[in-house]
């Protein structure tokens, strides 16, 4: 049996532990705990990524496409 729980730290209480014990009674369990990843911090944590993101955010070059115009560009670039 496999179960995945996503909880806030305050929800990990004795009631939760007791429900786990009842659900897996008599079995060996493997518990892995991870915290929620902050994608922005992760991406900005690398200098090369941060520089690339900041460059894109400050870029004045903008392109606007119609559906057909975008499809045409994709066709041209894929040749």
Protein backbone atom coordinates (compact mmCIF):
# COMPACT_ATOMS: atom_id res chain seq x y z
CA UNK A 1 0.00 0.00 0.00
CA UNK A 2 1.21 3.51 -0.79
CA UNK A 3 -0.20 6.73 0.62
CA UNK A 4 0.93 10.31 0.07
CA UNK A 5 -0.07 13.00 2.55
CA UNK A 6 0.41 16.72 2.02
CA UNK A 7 0.12 18.57 5.30
CA UNK A 8 0.95 21.83 7.00
CA UNK A 9 3.35 21.34 9.91
CA UNK A 10 0.62 22.14 12.45
CA UNK A 11 -1.48 19.27 11.06
CA UNK A 12 1.20 16.74 12.04
CA UNK A 13 -0.16 15.99 15.48
CA UNK A 14 -0.84 12.96 17.64
CA UNK A 15 -4.15 12.33 15.85
CA UNK A 16 -2.35 12.10 12.52
CA UNK A 17 0.29 9.77 13.99
CA UNK A 18 -2.41 7.56 15.50
CA UNK A 19 -4.26 7.37 12.17
CA UNK A 20 -1.04 6.28 10.47
CA UNK A 21 -0.48 3.63 13.10
CA UNK A 22 -4.03 2.31 12.64
CA UNK A 23 -3.78 2.35 8.83
CA UNK A 24 -0.45 0.49 8.74
CA UNK A 25 -0.94 -1.68 11.82
CA UNK A 26 1.58 -4.53 11.94
CA UNK A 27 3.48 -3.29 8.89
CA UNK A 28 6.86 -1.68 8.45
CA UNK A 29 6.54 1.84 7.05
CA UNK A 30 9.02 4.07 5.28
CA UNK A 31 8.50 7.80 5.93
CA UNK A 32 10.08 10.47 3.71
CA UNK A 33 9.60 14.13 4.58
CA UNK A 34 10.19 16.97 2.12
CA UNK A 35 9.35 20.63 2.29
CA UNK A 36 7.59 22.54 -0.44
CA UNK A 37 10.00 23.89 -3.03
CA UNK A 38 9.94 27.61 -3.73
CA UNK A 39 10.53 27.69 -7.49
CA UNK A 40 11.34 31.39 -7.62
CA UNK A 41 14.04 31.10 -4.95
CA UNK A 42 15.42 28.01 -6.67
CA UNK A 43 15.65 29.71 -10.08
CA UNK A 44 17.08 32.93 -8.70
CA UNK A 45 19.57 31.04 -6.54
CA UNK A 46 21.78 30.33 -9.54
CA UNK A 47 23.61 33.42 -10.89
CA UNK A 48 23.32 32.36 -14.55
CA UNK A 49 19.57 31.73 -14.20
CA UNK A 50 19.05 34.97 -12.27
CA UNK A 51 20.95 37.01 -14.89
CA UNK A 52 18.98 35.40 -17.73
CA UNK A 53 15.61 35.98 -16.03
CA UNK A 54 16.42 39.59 -15.14
CA UNK A 55 17.63 40.25 -18.68
CA UNK A 56 14.38 38.90 -20.11
CA UNK A 57 12.28 40.94 -17.67
CA UNK A 58 14.00 44.18 -18.63
CA UNK A 59 14.13 43.49 -22.36
CA UNK A 60 12.30 46.02 -24.49
CA UNK A 61 12.07 43.66 -27.46
CA UNK A 62 8.51 42.37 -27.73
CA UNK A 63 6.83 40.25 -30.38
CA UNK A 64 3.11 39.96 -30.91
CA UNK A 65 1.72 37.25 -33.17
CA UNK A 66 -1.59 36.28 -34.61
CA UNK A 67 -2.24 32.53 -34.47
CA UNK A 68 -1.33 32.23 -38.16
CA UNK A 69 1.77 34.39 -37.75
CA UNK A 70 3.04 32.22 -34.91
CA UNK A 71 2.41 29.03 -36.89
CA UNK A 72 4.28 30.54 -39.85
CA UNK A 73 7.29 31.41 -37.67
CA UNK A 74 7.35 27.92 -36.15
CA UNK A 75 7.26 26.39 -39.63
CA UNK A 76 10.16 28.62 -40.74
CA UNK A 77 12.28 27.85 -37.66
CA UNK A 78 11.69 24.11 -37.89
CA UNK A 79 13.09 23.84 -41.43
